Amino acid sequence: MTVRDIDRGAARLTAALERLASAPPRVTVGVHEEDGSAQHPGSSSATIREVALLSEFGSEHQPPRSFVRATVDDETAATERELAAAAERVARGENVEDAFGRVAVGLRDKMRARMSRTVSLDEETVRAKGSPTPLEDTGALHDAVRAYVNGTAVG
């Protein structure tokens, strides 16, 4: 009797899982150094990072308008499921940056969307800026929220 061993993808799956285990993808979403250190166009002295921190944590005169922490808190379970699904797609042969990039871009988009639906502005602020929507004077902070996989911008 002859026994034949036919590989129906186990070797490829094992190699993909070993790659993921030895070098897990690094996914980051938010205001990164290269964007955050730039001068905010709506300010004479503040950087985009400083505007982001003021928005995220508030100040003596401004309530917090979290877009990073609140999004992560609200999306933790969904993001964990999406990351697990991305790992499965990589194990089946999808490119790491593509699989995890979709997760990162989705989270980036949720953070950006949250910026426009944070707490309401008071009447004086609405009159001064001409709009009831927070964080949209220049769009610089919105655009500075970016997604990266292994140090490469995605989306």
N, C-alpha and C. Protein backbone atom coordinates (compact mmCIF):
# COMPACT_ATOMS: atom_id res chain seq x y z
N MET A 1 0.84 -1.17 0.00
CA MET A 1 0.00 0.00 0.00
C MET A 1 0.89 1.24 0.00
N THR A 2 0.53 2.21 -0.84
CA THR A 2 1.28 3.46 -0.95
C THR A 2 0.47 4.58 -0.31
N VAL A 3 1.16 5.37 0.51
CA VAL A 3 0.52 6.52 1.14
C VAL A 3 1.08 7.78 0.52
N ARG A 4 0.19 8.62 0.05
CA ARG A 4 0.63 9.89 -0.52
C ARG A 4 0.18 11.02 0.38
N ASP A 5 1.07 11.96 0.62
CA ASP A 5 0.77 13.14 1.42
C ASP A 5 0.57 14.31 0.46
N ILE A 6 -0.63 14.80 0.38
CA ILE A 6 -0.94 15.91 -0.52
C ILE A 6 -1.18 17.16 0.33
N ASP A 7 -0.37 18.16 0.11
CA ASP A 7 -0.52 19.43 0.84
C ASP A 7 -1.60 20.26 0.17
N ARG A 8 -2.66 20.49 0.87
CA ARG A 8 -3.77 21.29 0.34
C ARG A 8 -3.79 22.69 0.95
N GLY A 9 -2.61 23.18 1.29
CA GLY A 9 -2.52 24.54 1.81
C GLY A 9 -2.00 24.63 3.22
N ALA A 10 -1.77 23.51 3.87
CA ALA A 10 -1.30 23.53 5.26
C ALA A 10 0.07 24.19 5.37
N ALA A 11 0.95 23.95 4.43
CA ALA A 11 2.29 24.55 4.50
C ALA A 11 2.20 26.06 4.37
N ARG A 12 1.36 26.53 3.44
CA ARG A 12 1.18 27.97 3.27
C ARG A 12 0.56 28.61 4.52
N LEU A 13 -0.45 27.94 5.08
CA LEU A 13 -1.11 28.43 6.29
C LEU A 13 -0.12 28.47 7.45
N THR A 14 0.66 27.43 7.62
CA THR A 14 1.64 27.39 8.70
C THR A 14 2.67 28.51 8.54
N ALA A 15 3.14 28.72 7.32
CA ALA A 15 4.12 29.79 7.07
C ALA A 15 3.52 31.16 7.37
N ALA A 16 2.28 31.38 6.96
CA ALA A 16 1.63 32.67 7.22
C ALA A 16 1.45 32.90 8.71
N LEU A 17 1.03 31.88 9.43
CA LEU A 17 0.85 32.01 10.89
C LEU A 17 2.19 32.24 11.59
N GLU A 18 3.23 31.59 11.12
CA GLU A 18 4.57 31.81 11.70
C GLU A 18 5.04 33.24 11.45
N ARG A 19 4.76 33.78 10.25
CA ARG A 19 5.12 35.17 9.96
C ARG A 19 4.38 36.13 10.88
N LEU A 20 3.09 35.90 11.06
CA LEU A 20 2.30 36.77 11.94
C LEU A 20 2.80 36.69 13.39
N ALA A 21 3.13 35.49 13.83
CA ALA A 21 3.59 35.31 15.20
C ALA A 21 4.97 35.93 15.43
N SER A 22 5.84 35.84 14.44
CA SER A 22 7.20 36.35 14.62
C SER A 22 7.30 37.86 14.42
N ALA A 23 6.41 38.42 13.62
CA ALA A 23 6.42 39.86 13.36
C ALA A 23 4.98 40.35 13.25
N PRO A 24 4.30 40.48 14.40
CA PRO A 24 2.91 40.93 14.34
C PRO A 24 2.81 42.32 13.72
N PRO A 25 1.78 42.55 12.93
CA PRO A 25 1.64 43.87 12.30
C PRO A 25 1.42 44.94 13.36
N ARG A 26 1.97 46.10 13.12
CA ARG A 26 1.78 47.24 14.01
C ARG A 26 0.80 48.19 13.35
N VAL A 27 -0.35 48.34 13.98
CA VAL A 27 -1.41 49.19 13.45
C VAL A 27 -1.55 50.39 14.39
N THR A 28 -1.45 51.61 13.85
CA THR A 28 -1.64 52.81 14.65
C THR A 28 -2.62 53.73 13.94
N VAL A 29 -3.47 54.36 14.74
CA VAL A 29 -4.47 55.28 14.20
C VAL A 29 -4.53 56.48 15.12
N GLY A 30 -4.48 57.67 14.55
CA GLY A 30 -4.57 58.90 15.34
C GLY A 30 -3.74 60.00 14.71
N VAL A 31 -3.35 60.96 15.53
CA VAL A 31 -2.51 62.06 15.07
C VAL A 31 -1.06 61.66 15.34
N HIS A 32 -0.32 61.39 14.28
CA HIS A 32 1.06 60.94 14.40
C HIS A 32 2.02 62.13 14.35
N GLU A 33 3.25 61.88 14.69
CA GLU A 33 4.27 62.93 14.81
C GLU A 33 4.38 63.80 13.56
N GLU A 34 4.44 63.18 12.39
CA GLU A 34 4.68 63.97 11.18
C GLU A 34 3.58 64.99 10.91
N ASP A 35 2.34 64.67 11.26
CA ASP A 35 1.25 65.62 11.09
C ASP A 35 1.08 66.49 12.33
N GLY A 36 1.22 65.89 13.48
CA GLY A 36 0.98 66.59 14.73
C GLY A 36 1.94 67.72 15.02
N SER A 37 3.15 67.63 14.53
CA SER A 37 4.14 68.67 14.81
C SER A 37 3.98 69.91 13.91
N ALA A 38 3.12 69.81 12.91
CA ALA A 38 2.90 70.94 11.99
C ALA A 38 2.10 72.04 12.69
N GLN A 39 2.32 73.24 12.26
CA GLN A 39 1.56 74.40 12.76
C GLN A 39 0.09 74.24 12.37
N HIS A 40 -0.82 74.45 13.30
CA HIS A 40 -2.24 74.39 12.98
C HIS A 40 -2.61 75.67 12.23
N PRO A 41 -3.23 75.56 11.05
CA PRO A 41 -3.52 76.76 10.25
C PRO A 41 -4.51 77.72 10.91
N GLY A 42 -5.26 77.25 11.90
CA GLY A 42 -6.21 78.12 12.56
C GLY A 42 -5.65 78.79 13.80
N SER A 43 -4.34 78.65 14.04
CA SER A 43 -3.73 79.19 15.25
C SER A 43 -2.41 79.87 14.91
N SER A 44 -2.10 80.89 15.67
CA SER A 44 -0.82 81.58 15.44
C SER A 44 0.32 80.87 16.14
N SER A 45 0.02 79.98 17.10
CA SER A 45 1.12 79.37 17.84
C SER A 45 0.96 77.87 18.09
N ALA A 46 -0.23 77.32 17.99
CA ALA A 46 -0.45 75.92 18.35
C ALA A 46 -0.14 74.98 17.19
N THR A 47 0.37 73.81 17.56
CA THR A 47 0.56 72.75 16.57
C THR A 47 -0.74 71.95 16.47
N ILE A 48 -0.82 71.11 15.46
CA ILE A 48 -1.98 70.24 15.32
C ILE A 48 -2.06 69.30 16.52
N ARG A 49 -0.93 68.80 17.00
CA ARG A 49 -0.92 67.94 18.18
C ARG A 49 -1.52 68.65 19.38
N GLU A 50 -1.17 69.92 19.59
CA GLU A 50 -1.70 70.68 20.72
C GLU A 50 -3.21 70.88 20.59
N VAL A 51 -3.69 71.14 19.39
CA VAL A 51 -5.12 71.27 19.17
C VAL A 51 -5.81 69.93 19.43
N ALA A 52 -5.19 68.83 18.99
CA ALA A 52 -5.75 67.49 19.23
C ALA A 52 -5.83 67.19 20.73
N LEU A 53 -4.77 67.51 21.46
CA LEU A 53 -4.76 67.26 22.90
C LEU A 53 -5.81 68.11 23.61
N LEU A 54 -5.94 69.36 23.22
CA LEU A 54 -6.95 70.24 23.80
C LEU A 54 -8.35 69.69 23.53
N SER A 55 -8.57 69.22 22.33
CA SER A 55 -9.86 68.65 22.00
C SER A 55 -10.10 67.37 22.79
N GLU A 56 -9.11 66.51 22.83
CA GLU A 56 -9.26 65.20 23.47
C GLU A 56 -9.49 65.31 24.98
N PHE A 57 -8.73 66.19 25.63
CA PHE A 57 -8.77 66.25 27.09
C PHE A 57 -9.44 67.50 27.65
N GLY A 58 -9.69 68.50 26.82
CA GLY A 58 -10.32 69.72 27.29
C GLY A 58 -9.35 70.61 28.05
N SER A 59 -9.89 71.69 28.58
CA SER A 59 -9.09 72.63 29.37
C SER A 59 -10.01 73.29 30.39
N GLU A 60 -9.47 74.25 31.05
CA GLU A 60 -10.26 75.00 32.03
C GLU A 60 -11.46 75.68 31.36
N HIS A 61 -11.29 76.05 30.09
CA HIS A 61 -12.34 76.80 29.39
C HIS A 61 -13.06 76.00 28.30
N GLN A 62 -12.63 74.80 28.05
CA GLN A 62 -13.24 74.00 26.98
C GLN A 62 -13.46 72.57 27.48
N PRO A 63 -14.65 72.04 27.30
CA PRO A 63 -14.88 70.65 27.72
C PRO A 63 -14.14 69.69 26.79
N PRO A 64 -13.82 68.50 27.28
CA PRO A 64 -13.19 67.51 26.40
C PRO A 64 -14.14 67.13 25.26
N ARG A 65 -13.56 66.96 24.09
CA ARG A 65 -14.32 66.49 22.92
C ARG A 65 -13.54 65.32 22.34
N SER A 66 -13.54 64.24 23.11
CA SER A 66 -12.73 63.08 22.75
C SER A 66 -13.15 62.47 21.42
N PHE A 67 -12.18 62.26 20.57
CA PHE A 67 -12.44 61.54 19.33
C PHE A 67 -11.58 60.29 19.24
N VAL A 68 -10.48 60.23 20.01
CA VAL A 68 -9.63 59.04 20.01
C VAL A 68 -10.11 58.07 21.08
N ARG A 69 -10.05 58.49 22.34
CA ARG A 69 -10.43 57.60 23.44
C ARG A 69 -11.87 57.12 23.33
N ALA A 70 -12.78 58.04 23.00
CA ALA A 70 -14.18 57.66 22.91
C ALA A 70 -14.42 56.66 21.79
N THR A 71 -13.75 56.85 20.66
CA THR A 71 -13.90 55.90 19.55
C THR A 71 -13.35 54.54 19.94
N VAL A 72 -12.17 54.52 20.54
CA VAL A 72 -11.58 53.25 20.96
C VAL A 72 -12.49 52.55 21.97
N ASP A 73 -13.00 53.31 22.94
CA ASP A 73 -13.90 52.73 23.94
C ASP A 73 -15.14 52.13 23.28
N ASP A 74 -15.74 52.85 22.36
CA ASP A 74 -16.97 52.39 21.71
C ASP A 74 -16.73 51.25 20.73
N GLU A 75 -15.56 51.19 20.15
CA GLU A 75 -15.30 50.24 19.06
C GLU A 75 -14.38 49.08 19.44
N THR A 76 -14.04 48.92 20.71
CA THR A 76 -13.07 47.89 21.11
C THR A 76 -13.48 46.50 20.66
N ALA A 77 -14.70 46.08 20.99
CA ALA A 77 -15.13 44.71 20.64
C ALA A 77 -15.15 44.51 19.13
N ALA A 78 -15.70 45.48 18.40
CA ALA A 78 -15.77 45.36 16.94
C ALA A 78 -14.37 45.34 16.34
N THR A 79 -13.47 46.18 16.85
CA THR A 79 -12.11 46.23 16.32
C THR A 79 -11.38 44.93 16.59
N GLU A 80 -11.58 44.35 17.77
CA GLU A 80 -10.95 43.05 18.06
C GLU A 80 -11.42 41.99 17.08
N ARG A 81 -12.71 41.98 16.78
CA ARG A 81 -13.23 41.00 15.79
C ARG A 81 -12.64 41.26 14.41
N GLU A 82 -12.55 42.54 14.03
CA GLU A 82 -12.00 42.89 12.71
C GLU A 82 -10.52 42.52 12.61
N LEU A 83 -9.76 42.71 13.70
CA LEU A 83 -8.35 42.33 13.69
C LEU A 83 -8.19 40.82 13.58
N ALA A 84 -9.03 40.07 14.27
CA ALA A 84 -8.98 38.60 14.17
C ALA A 84 -9.31 38.15 12.75
N ALA A 85 -10.30 38.79 12.15
CA ALA A 85 -10.66 38.45 10.76
C ALA A 85 -9.52 38.80 9.81
N ALA A 86 -8.84 39.93 10.07
CA ALA A 86 -7.71 40.32 9.23
C ALA A 86 -6.59 39.28 9.34
N ALA A 87 -6.34 38.80 10.54
CA ALA A 87 -5.30 37.77 10.73
C ALA A 87 -5.68 36.50 9.96
N GLU A 88 -6.94 36.14 9.97
CA GLU A 88 -7.39 34.97 9.21
C GLU A 88 -7.18 35.18 7.71
N ARG A 89 -7.46 36.39 7.22
CA ARG A 89 -7.26 36.66 5.79
C ARG A 89 -5.78 36.59 5.42
N VAL A 90 -4.92 37.07 6.31
CA VAL A 90 -3.48 36.98 6.05
C VAL A 90 -3.05 35.51 6.02
N ALA A 91 -3.60 34.73 6.94
CA ALA A 91 -3.27 33.30 6.96
C ALA A 91 -3.70 32.61 5.67
N ARG A 92 -4.71 33.15 5.02
CA ARG A 92 -5.18 32.57 3.75
C ARG A 92 -4.47 33.18 2.54
N GLY A 93 -3.51 34.10 2.80
CA GLY A 93 -2.70 34.61 1.71
C GLY A 93 -2.83 36.08 1.39
N GLU A 94 -3.72 36.80 2.06
CA GLU A 94 -3.86 38.23 1.78
C GLU A 94 -2.66 38.99 2.32
N ASN A 95 -2.30 40.05 1.67
CA ASN A 95 -1.20 40.92 2.08
C ASN A 95 -1.51 41.53 3.45
N VAL A 96 -0.51 41.57 4.35
CA VAL A 96 -0.67 42.09 5.70
C VAL A 96 -1.17 43.53 5.69
N GLU A 97 -0.53 44.38 4.88
CA GLU A 97 -0.92 45.79 4.86
C GLU A 97 -2.35 45.97 4.36
N ASP A 98 -2.78 45.16 3.40
CA ASP A 98 -4.15 45.27 2.91
C ASP A 98 -5.16 44.82 3.97
N ALA A 99 -4.91 43.66 4.56
CA ALA A 99 -5.86 43.10 5.53
C ALA A 99 -5.99 44.00 6.76
N PHE A 100 -4.85 44.38 7.34
CA PHE A 100 -4.90 45.20 8.55
C PHE A 100 -5.15 46.67 8.21
N GLY A 101 -4.81 47.07 7.01
CA GLY A 101 -5.07 48.43 6.57
C GLY A 101 -6.55 48.75 6.54
N ARG A 102 -7.37 47.78 6.13
CA ARG A 102 -8.82 48.00 6.12
C ARG A 102 -9.35 48.26 7.53
N VAL A 103 -8.82 47.53 8.50
CA VAL A 103 -9.23 47.74 9.89
C VAL A 103 -8.81 49.13 10.36
N ALA A 104 -7.57 49.50 10.07
CA ALA A 104 -7.04 50.80 10.49
C ALA A 104 -7.82 51.95 9.86
N VAL A 105 -8.10 51.85 8.58
CA VAL A 105 -8.84 52.91 7.88
C VAL A 105 -10.26 53.02 8.43
N GLY A 106 -10.87 51.90 8.73
CA GLY A 106 -12.21 51.93 9.32
C GLY A 106 -12.22 52.66 10.65
N LEU A 107 -11.22 52.40 11.48
CA LEU A 107 -11.14 53.07 12.78
C LEU A 107 -10.83 54.56 12.59
N ARG A 108 -9.95 54.88 11.65
CA ARG A 108 -9.65 56.28 11.34
C ARG A 108 -10.92 57.03 10.93
N ASP A 109 -11.71 56.41 10.08
CA ASP A 109 -12.94 57.04 9.61
C ASP A 109 -13.93 57.26 10.75
N LYS A 110 -13.98 56.33 11.69
CA LYS A 110 -14.87 56.49 12.84
C LYS A 110 -14.40 57.62 13.74
N MET A 111 -13.09 57.76 13.91
CA MET A 111 -12.56 58.87 14.70
C MET A 111 -12.89 60.21 14.04
N ARG A 112 -12.70 60.27 12.74
CA ARG A 112 -13.00 61.51 12.02
C ARG A 112 -14.48 61.86 12.12
N ALA A 113 -15.33 60.86 12.00
CA ALA A 113 -16.78 61.10 12.07
C ALA A 113 -17.17 61.59 13.46
N ARG A 114 -16.54 61.08 14.48
CA ARG A 114 -16.87 61.48 15.85
C ARG A 114 -16.57 62.96 16.08
N MET A 115 -15.58 63.48 15.39
CA MET A 115 -15.22 64.89 15.57
C MET A 115 -16.42 65.81 15.34
N SER A 116 -17.25 65.48 14.38
CA SER A 116 -18.36 66.37 14.04
C SER A 116 -19.61 66.10 14.86
N ARG A 117 -19.59 65.08 15.71
CA ARG A 117 -20.78 64.83 16.52
C ARG A 117 -20.47 64.82 18.02
N THR A 118 -19.43 65.52 18.40
CA THR A 118 -19.12 65.67 19.82
C THR A 118 -20.07 66.68 20.44
N VAL A 119 -19.79 67.12 21.64
CA VAL A 119 -20.69 68.02 22.37
C VAL A 119 -21.04 69.26 21.57
N SER A 120 -22.20 69.79 21.84
CA SER A 120 -22.65 71.00 21.15
C SER A 120 -21.84 72.20 21.61
N LEU A 121 -21.67 73.14 20.70
CA LEU A 121 -20.97 74.38 21.02
C LEU A 121 -21.95 75.37 21.62
N ASP A 122 -21.44 76.25 22.47
CA ASP A 122 -22.33 77.28 23.02
C ASP A 122 -22.59 78.34 21.95
N GLU A 123 -23.62 79.15 22.17
CA GLU A 123 -24.06 80.12 21.16
C GLU A 123 -22.97 81.12 20.79
N GLU A 124 -22.20 81.56 21.76
CA GLU A 124 -21.13 82.53 21.50
C GLU A 124 -20.08 81.94 20.54
N THR A 125 -19.73 80.69 20.75
CA THR A 125 -18.76 80.03 19.89
C THR A 125 -19.31 79.85 18.48
N VAL A 126 -20.57 79.47 18.37
CA VAL A 126 -21.20 79.29 17.06
C VAL A 126 -21.19 80.61 16.29
N ARG A 127 -21.52 81.72 16.97
CA ARG A 127 -21.50 83.03 16.31
C ARG A 127 -20.08 83.38 15.85
N ALA A 128 -19.10 83.12 16.72
CA ALA A 128 -17.72 83.49 16.41
C ALA A 128 -17.16 82.71 15.22
N LYS A 129 -17.47 81.43 15.15
CA LYS A 129 -16.90 80.62 14.07
C LYS A 129 -17.82 80.48 12.87
N GLY A 130 -19.12 80.83 13.06
CA GLY A 130 -20.05 80.79 11.95
C GLY A 130 -20.57 79.41 11.62
N SER A 131 -20.39 78.44 12.53
CA SER A 131 -20.84 77.08 12.29
C SER A 131 -21.09 76.39 13.63
N PRO A 132 -22.11 75.53 13.70
CA PRO A 132 -22.36 74.79 14.94
C PRO A 132 -21.55 73.50 15.06
N THR A 133 -20.71 73.22 14.08
CA THR A 133 -19.97 71.97 14.08
C THR A 133 -18.58 72.15 14.69
N PRO A 134 -18.28 71.41 15.78
CA PRO A 134 -16.96 71.55 16.40
C PRO A 134 -15.85 70.99 15.51
N LEU A 135 -14.67 71.51 15.68
CA LEU A 135 -13.45 70.96 15.07
C LEU A 135 -13.41 70.98 13.56
N GLU A 136 -14.12 71.90 12.93
CA GLU A 136 -14.10 71.91 11.47
C GLU A 136 -13.76 73.27 10.88
N ASP A 137 -13.06 74.10 11.61
CA ASP A 137 -12.69 75.41 11.08
C ASP A 137 -11.80 75.28 9.84
N THR A 138 -10.76 74.47 9.94
CA THR A 138 -9.80 74.36 8.83
C THR A 138 -9.74 72.95 8.24
N GLY A 139 -10.19 71.95 8.97
CA GLY A 139 -10.07 70.56 8.53
C GLY A 139 -8.71 69.96 8.80
N ALA A 140 -7.79 70.76 9.36
CA ALA A 140 -6.42 70.27 9.58
C ALA A 140 -6.37 69.12 10.57
N LEU A 141 -7.11 69.22 11.65
CA LEU A 141 -7.11 68.14 12.64
C LEU A 141 -7.77 66.90 12.06
N HIS A 142 -8.88 67.07 11.40
CA HIS A 142 -9.56 65.95 10.73
C HIS A 142 -8.60 65.22 9.81
N ASP A 143 -7.91 65.96 8.96
CA ASP A 143 -7.00 65.35 8.00
C ASP A 143 -5.76 64.75 8.64
N ALA A 144 -5.40 65.23 9.84
CA ALA A 144 -4.21 64.72 10.53
C ALA A 144 -4.45 63.37 11.20
N VAL A 145 -5.70 62.97 11.35
CA VAL A 145 -6.01 61.64 11.90
C VAL A 145 -5.78 60.65 10.77
N ARG A 146 -4.73 59.85 10.92
CA ARG A 146 -4.33 58.94 9.84
C ARG A 146 -4.13 57.54 10.36
N ALA A 147 -4.07 56.59 9.46
CA ALA A 147 -3.91 55.17 9.78
C ALA A 147 -2.61 54.66 9.18
N TYR A 148 -1.90 53.86 9.97
CA TYR A 148 -0.64 53.28 9.52
C TYR A 148 -0.61 51.78 9.84
N VAL A 149 0.01 51.02 8.95
CA VAL A 149 0.31 49.62 9.21
C VAL A 149 1.80 49.43 8.97
N ASN A 150 2.50 48.99 9.99
CA ASN A 150 3.96 48.79 9.92
C ASN A 150 4.69 50.03 9.43
N GLY A 151 4.23 51.20 9.90
CA GLY A 151 4.90 52.46 9.58
C GLY A 151 4.57 53.06 8.23
N THR A 152 3.65 52.43 7.50
CA THR A 152 3.26 52.94 6.19
C THR A 152 1.82 53.44 6.25
N ALA A 153 1.60 54.66 5.77
CA ALA A 153 0.24 55.21 5.76
C ALA A 153 -0.63 54.37 4.84
N VAL A 154 -1.85 54.12 5.30
CA VAL A 154 -2.82 53.35 4.50
C VAL A 154 -4.08 54.19 4.34
N GLY A 155 -4.78 53.94 3.27
CA GLY A 155 -6.06 54.62 3.02
C GLY A 155 -5.87 55.99 2.54
